[in-house]
Amino acid sequence: STLTKLKQHSEACFVQDLLQDAEARLATVKASADEVERRAPSKTTDAVEAATALNKWEKSIQTVMLSISSNRSEMSLKRLGLQRMKSDGAVQAVEALNGTISEMEGLNKRLTEVRSKAAEDRRRLFQRPGKPASSTQANDSMDAE
């Protein structure tokens, strides 16, 4: 019937728009993640410049991670909506969204490693010359007493 055809066409358009949106979101967060990795601060001897550059980089990493998390959550909600639909197109779209969500999780994991590197760079930057980081922390707590 015409109503059934109209419903099928409407569902197909909805699924296609959703998948295009998911692809665009994934491309955007991938580009952002790549950019933040490329913007790692160069090594400088000036501690103030290095600290400022590290702060900016860490904020950029955090911003991209929040964007990934937000997009991943939205894709998860859209996936739930698709799971209520019974068409073959919806089933395929759920599988495609699962892949998109998985890629976003991989990006987030990669940026977690980058953030750990930034934290390590920060520890090295503020470490007292000639002292390992753990003894520096112990000395700092002794100095506070």
C-alpha atoms as a PDB file:
ATOM      1  CA  SER A   1       0.000   0.000   0.000  1.00  0.00           C
ATOM      2  CA  THR A   2       0.973   3.623  -0.340  1.00  0.00           C
ATOM      3  CA  LEU A   3       1.181   4.099   3.409  1.00  0.00           C
ATOM      4  CA  THR A   4       3.622   1.193   3.765  1.00  0.00           C
ATOM      5  CA  LYS A   5       5.788   2.522   0.927  1.00  0.00           C
ATOM      6  CA  LEU A   6       5.758   5.975   2.478  1.00  0.00           C
ATOM      7  CA  LYS A   7       6.782   4.544   5.849  1.00  0.00           C
ATOM      8  CA  GLN A   8       9.598   2.515   4.271  1.00  0.00           C
ATOM      9  CA  HIS A   9      10.850   5.540   2.348  1.00  0.00           C
ATOM     10  CA  SER A  10      10.699   7.689   5.490  1.00  0.00           C
ATOM     11  CA  GLU A  11      12.664   5.099   7.472  1.00  0.00           C
ATOM     12  CA  ALA A  12      15.241   4.778   4.695  1.00  0.00           C
ATOM     13  CA  CYS A  13      15.736   8.566   4.612  1.00  0.00           C
ATOM     14  CA  PHE A  14      16.025   8.678   8.398  1.00  0.00           C
ATOM     15  CA  VAL A  15      18.618   5.898   8.419  1.00  0.00           C
ATOM     16  CA  GLN A  16      20.599   7.479   5.577  1.00  0.00           C
ATOM     17  CA  ASP A  17      20.641  10.898   7.306  1.00  0.00           C
ATOM     18  CA  LEU A  18      21.683   9.305  10.575  1.00  0.00           C
ATOM     19  CA  LEU A  19      24.559   7.412   8.966  1.00  0.00           C
ATOM     20  CA  GLN A  20      25.743  10.520   7.115  1.00  0.00           C
ATOM     21  CA  ASP A  21      25.675  12.430  10.407  1.00  0.00           C
ATOM     22  CA  ALA A  22      27.646   9.649  12.126  1.00  0.00           C
ATOM     23  CA  GLU A  23      30.247   9.654   9.340  1.00  0.00           C
ATOM     24  CA  ALA A  24      30.602  13.435   9.543  1.00  0.00           C
ATOM     25  CA  ARG A  25      30.966  13.337  13.318  1.00  0.00           C
ATOM     26  CA  LEU A  26      33.579  10.591  13.115  1.00  0.00           C
ATOM     27  CA  ALA A  27      35.539  12.495  10.456  1.00  0.00           C
ATOM     28  CA  THR A  28      35.462  15.638  12.613  1.00  0.00           C
ATOM     29  CA  VAL A  29      36.690  13.944  15.787  1.00  0.00           C
ATOM     30  CA  LYS A  30      39.350  12.013  13.837  1.00  0.00           C
ATOM     31  CA  ALA A  31      40.646  15.256  12.350  1.00  0.00           C
ATOM     32  CA  SER A  32      40.608  16.911  15.781  1.00  0.00           C
ATOM     33  CA  ALA A  33      42.458  13.997  17.377  1.00  0.00           C
ATOM     34  CA  ASP A  34      45.079  13.994  14.623  1.00  0.00           C
ATOM     35  CA  GLU A  35      45.505  17.756  14.936  1.00  0.00           C
ATOM     36  CA  VAL A  36      45.952  17.681  18.702  1.00  0.00           C
ATOM     37  CA  GLU A  37      48.567  14.942  18.368  1.00  0.00           C
ATOM     38  CA  ARG A  38      50.458  16.969  15.762  1.00  0.00           C
ATOM     39  CA  ARG A  39      50.403  20.025  18.020  1.00  0.00           C
ATOM     40  CA  ALA A  40      52.548  18.408  20.688  1.00  0.00           C
ATOM     41  CA  PRO A  41      54.784  21.149  22.042  1.00  0.00           C
ATOM     42  CA  SER A  42      58.359  21.184  20.863  1.00  0.00           C
ATOM     43  CA  LYS A  43      61.091  20.796  23.415  1.00  0.00           C
ATOM     44  CA  THR A  44      62.274  24.142  24.710  1.00  0.00           C
ATOM     45  CA  THR A  45      64.799  25.057  27.364  1.00  0.00           C
ATOM     46  CA  ASP A  46      62.659  27.868  28.753  1.00  0.00           C
ATOM     47  CA  ALA A  47      60.578  26.332  31.543  1.00  0.00           C
ATOM     48  CA  VAL A  48      57.890  29.026  31.396  1.00  0.00           C
ATOM     49  CA  GLU A  49      57.380  28.605  27.640  1.00  0.00           C
ATOM     50  CA  ALA A  50      57.375  24.824  28.019  1.00  0.00           C
ATOM     51  CA  ALA A  51      54.815  24.962  30.854  1.00  0.00           C
ATOM     52  CA  THR A  52      52.565  27.311  28.877  1.00  0.00           C
ATOM     53  CA  ALA A  53      52.766  25.107  25.784  1.00  0.00           C
ATOM     54  CA  LEU A  54      52.030  21.986  27.849  1.00  0.00           C
ATOM     55  CA  ASN A  55      49.001  23.668  29.455  1.00  0.00           C
ATOM     56  CA  LYS A  56      47.586  24.615  26.056  1.00  0.00           C
ATOM     57  CA  TRP A  57      48.228  21.138  24.702  1.00  0.00           C
ATOM     58  CA  GLU A  58      46.617  19.413  27.686  1.00  0.00           C
ATOM     59  CA  LYS A  59      43.556  21.662  27.386  1.00  0.00           C
ATOM     60  CA  SER A  60      43.325  20.829  23.676  1.00  0.00           C
ATOM     61  CA  ILE A  61      43.559  17.113  24.423  1.00  0.00           C
ATOM     62  CA  GLN A  62      40.833  17.388  27.053  1.00  0.00           C
ATOM     63  CA  THR A  63      38.570  19.370  24.710  1.00  0.00           C
ATOM     64  CA  VAL A  64      38.899  16.774  21.953  1.00  0.00           C
ATOM     65  CA  MET A  65      38.296  13.935  24.423  1.00  0.00           C
ATOM     66  CA  LEU A  66      35.116  15.653  25.650  1.00  0.00           C
ATOM     67  CA  SER A  67      33.965  16.086  22.055  1.00  0.00           C
ATOM     68  CA  ILE A  68      34.582  12.409  21.331  1.00  0.00           C
ATOM     69  CA  SER A  69      32.709  11.396  24.474  1.00  0.00           C
ATOM     70  CA  SER A  70      29.759  13.632  23.637  1.00  0.00           C
ATOM     71  CA  ASN A  71      29.568  12.368  20.054  1.00  0.00           C
ATOM     72  CA  ARG A  72      29.901   8.762  21.186  1.00  0.00           C
ATOM     73  CA  SER A  73      27.032   9.226  23.660  1.00  0.00           C
ATOM     74  CA  GLU A  74      24.828  10.787  21.011  1.00  0.00           C
ATOM     75  CA  MET A  75      25.574   7.953  18.584  1.00  0.00           C
ATOM     76  CA  SER A  76      24.684   5.449  21.323  1.00  0.00           C
ATOM     77  CA  LEU A  77      21.306   7.146  21.812  1.00  0.00           C
ATOM     78  CA  LYS A  78      20.647   7.123  18.070  1.00  0.00           C
ATOM     79  CA  ARG A  79      21.590   3.444  17.987  1.00  0.00           C
ATOM     80  CA  LEU A  80      18.902   2.761  20.605  1.00  0.00           C
ATOM     81  CA  GLY A  81      16.358   4.503  18.400  1.00  0.00           C
ATOM     82  CA  LEU A  82      17.407   2.400  15.424  1.00  0.00           C
ATOM     83  CA  GLN A  83      17.158  -0.813  17.409  1.00  0.00           C
ATOM     84  CA  ARG A  84      13.412  -0.198  17.779  1.00  0.00           C
ATOM     85  CA  MET A  85      13.025  -0.215  14.004  1.00  0.00           C
ATOM     86  CA  LYS A  86      12.678  -3.632  12.401  1.00  0.00           C
ATOM     87  CA  SER A  87      13.762  -2.941   8.815  1.00  0.00           C
ATOM     88  CA  ASP A  88      16.877  -4.477   7.278  1.00  0.00           C
ATOM     89  CA  GLY A  89      18.240  -0.974   6.734  1.00  0.00           C
ATOM     90  CA  ALA A  90      17.932  -0.228  10.439  1.00  0.00           C
ATOM     91  CA  VAL A  91      19.746  -3.446  11.350  1.00  0.00           C
ATOM     92  CA  GLN A  92      22.587  -2.559   8.989  1.00  0.00           C
ATOM     93  CA  ALA A  93      22.644   0.982  10.356  1.00  0.00           C
ATOM     94  CA  VAL A  94      22.985  -0.359  13.913  1.00  0.00           C
ATOM     95  CA  GLU A  95      25.993  -2.395  12.779  1.00  0.00           C
ATOM     96  CA  ALA A  96      27.488   0.688  11.105  1.00  0.00           C
ATOM     97  CA  LEU A  97      26.916   2.783  14.234  1.00  0.00           C
ATOM     98  CA  ASN A  98      28.554   0.078  16.335  1.00  0.00           C
ATOM     99  CA  GLY A  99      31.619   0.450  14.137  1.00  0.00           C
ATOM    100  CA  THR A 100      31.544   4.245  14.420  1.00  0.00           C
ATOM    101  CA  ILE A 101      31.201   4.087  18.198  1.00  0.00           C
ATOM    102  CA  SER A 102      34.037   1.581  18.373  1.00  0.00           C
ATOM    103  CA  GLU A 103      36.277   3.877  16.304  1.00  0.00           C
ATOM    104  CA  MET A 104      35.446   6.770  18.629  1.00  0.00           C
ATOM    105  CA  GLU A 105      36.369   4.612  21.616  1.00  0.00           C
ATOM    106  CA  GLY A 106      39.683   3.826  19.911  1.00  0.00           C
ATOM    107  CA  LEU A 107      40.327   7.548  19.376  1.00  0.00           C
ATOM    108  CA  ASN A 108      39.574   8.212  23.022  1.00  0.00           C
ATOM    109  CA  LYS A 109      42.014   5.486  24.075  1.00  0.00           C
ATOM    110  CA  ARG A 110      44.685   6.919  21.792  1.00  0.00           C
ATOM    111  CA  LEU A 111      44.192  10.399  23.283  1.00  0.00           C
ATOM    112  CA  THR A 112      44.342   8.956  26.795  1.00  0.00           C
ATOM    113  CA  GLU A 113      47.838   7.740  25.920  1.00  0.00           C
ATOM    114  CA  VAL A 114      48.722  11.170  24.514  1.00  0.00           C
ATOM    115  CA  ARG A 115      47.428  12.794  27.702  1.00  0.00           C
ATOM    116  CA  SER A 116      49.598  10.432  29.758  1.00  0.00           C
ATOM    117  CA  LYS A 117      52.593  11.494  27.686  1.00  0.00           C
ATOM    118  CA  ALA A 118      51.742  15.145  28.368  1.00  0.00           C
ATOM    119  CA  ALA A 119      51.518  14.409  32.090  1.00  0.00           C
ATOM    120  CA  GLU A 120      54.911  12.677  31.953  1.00  0.00           C
ATOM    121  CA  ASP A 121      56.369  15.686  30.107  1.00  0.00           C
ATOM    122  CA  ARG A 122      54.952  17.914  32.853  1.00  0.00           C
ATOM    123  CA  ARG A 123      56.523  15.758  35.581  1.00  0.00           C
ATOM    124  CA  ARG A 124      59.882  15.902  33.817  1.00  0.00           C
ATOM    125  CA  LEU A 125      59.615  19.652  33.353  1.00  0.00           C
ATOM    126  CA  PHE A 126      59.028  20.343  37.035  1.00  0.00           C
ATOM    127  CA  GLN A 127      61.386  17.692  38.349  1.00  0.00           C
ATOM    128  CA  ARG A 128      64.373  19.068  40.229  1.00  0.00           C
ATOM    129  CA  PRO A 129      67.632  18.525  38.348  1.00  0.00           C
ATOM    130  CA  GLY A 130      69.456  15.367  39.410  1.00  0.00           C
ATOM    131  CA  LYS A 131      66.538  13.932  41.393  1.00  0.00           C
ATOM    132  CA  PRO A 132      64.083  11.278  40.280  1.00  0.00           C
ATOM    133  CA  ALA A 133      60.430  12.361  40.327  1.00  0.00           C
ATOM    134  CA  SER A 134      59.511  10.184  43.318  1.00  0.00           C
ATOM    135  CA  SER A 135      62.269  11.596  45.526  1.00  0.00           C
ATOM    136  CA  THR A 136      61.318  15.110  44.424  1.00  0.00           C
ATOM    137  CA  GLN A 137      57.785  14.521  45.672  1.00  0.00           C
ATOM    138  CA  ALA A 138      59.124  13.131  48.954  1.00  0.00           C
ATOM    139  CA  ASN A 139      61.414  16.153  49.371  1.00  0.00           C
ATOM    140  CA  ASP A 140      58.542  18.500  48.610  1.00  0.00           C
ATOM    141  CA  SER A 141      56.438  16.971  51.367  1.00  0.00           C
ATOM    142  CA  MET A 142      59.414  17.239  53.764  1.00  0.00           C
ATOM    143  CA  ASP A 143      59.923  20.882  52.796  1.00  0.00           C
ATOM    144  CA  ALA A 144      56.280  21.590  53.629  1.00  0.00           C
ATOM    145  CA  GLU A 145      56.711  20.422  57.235  1.00  0.00           C
END
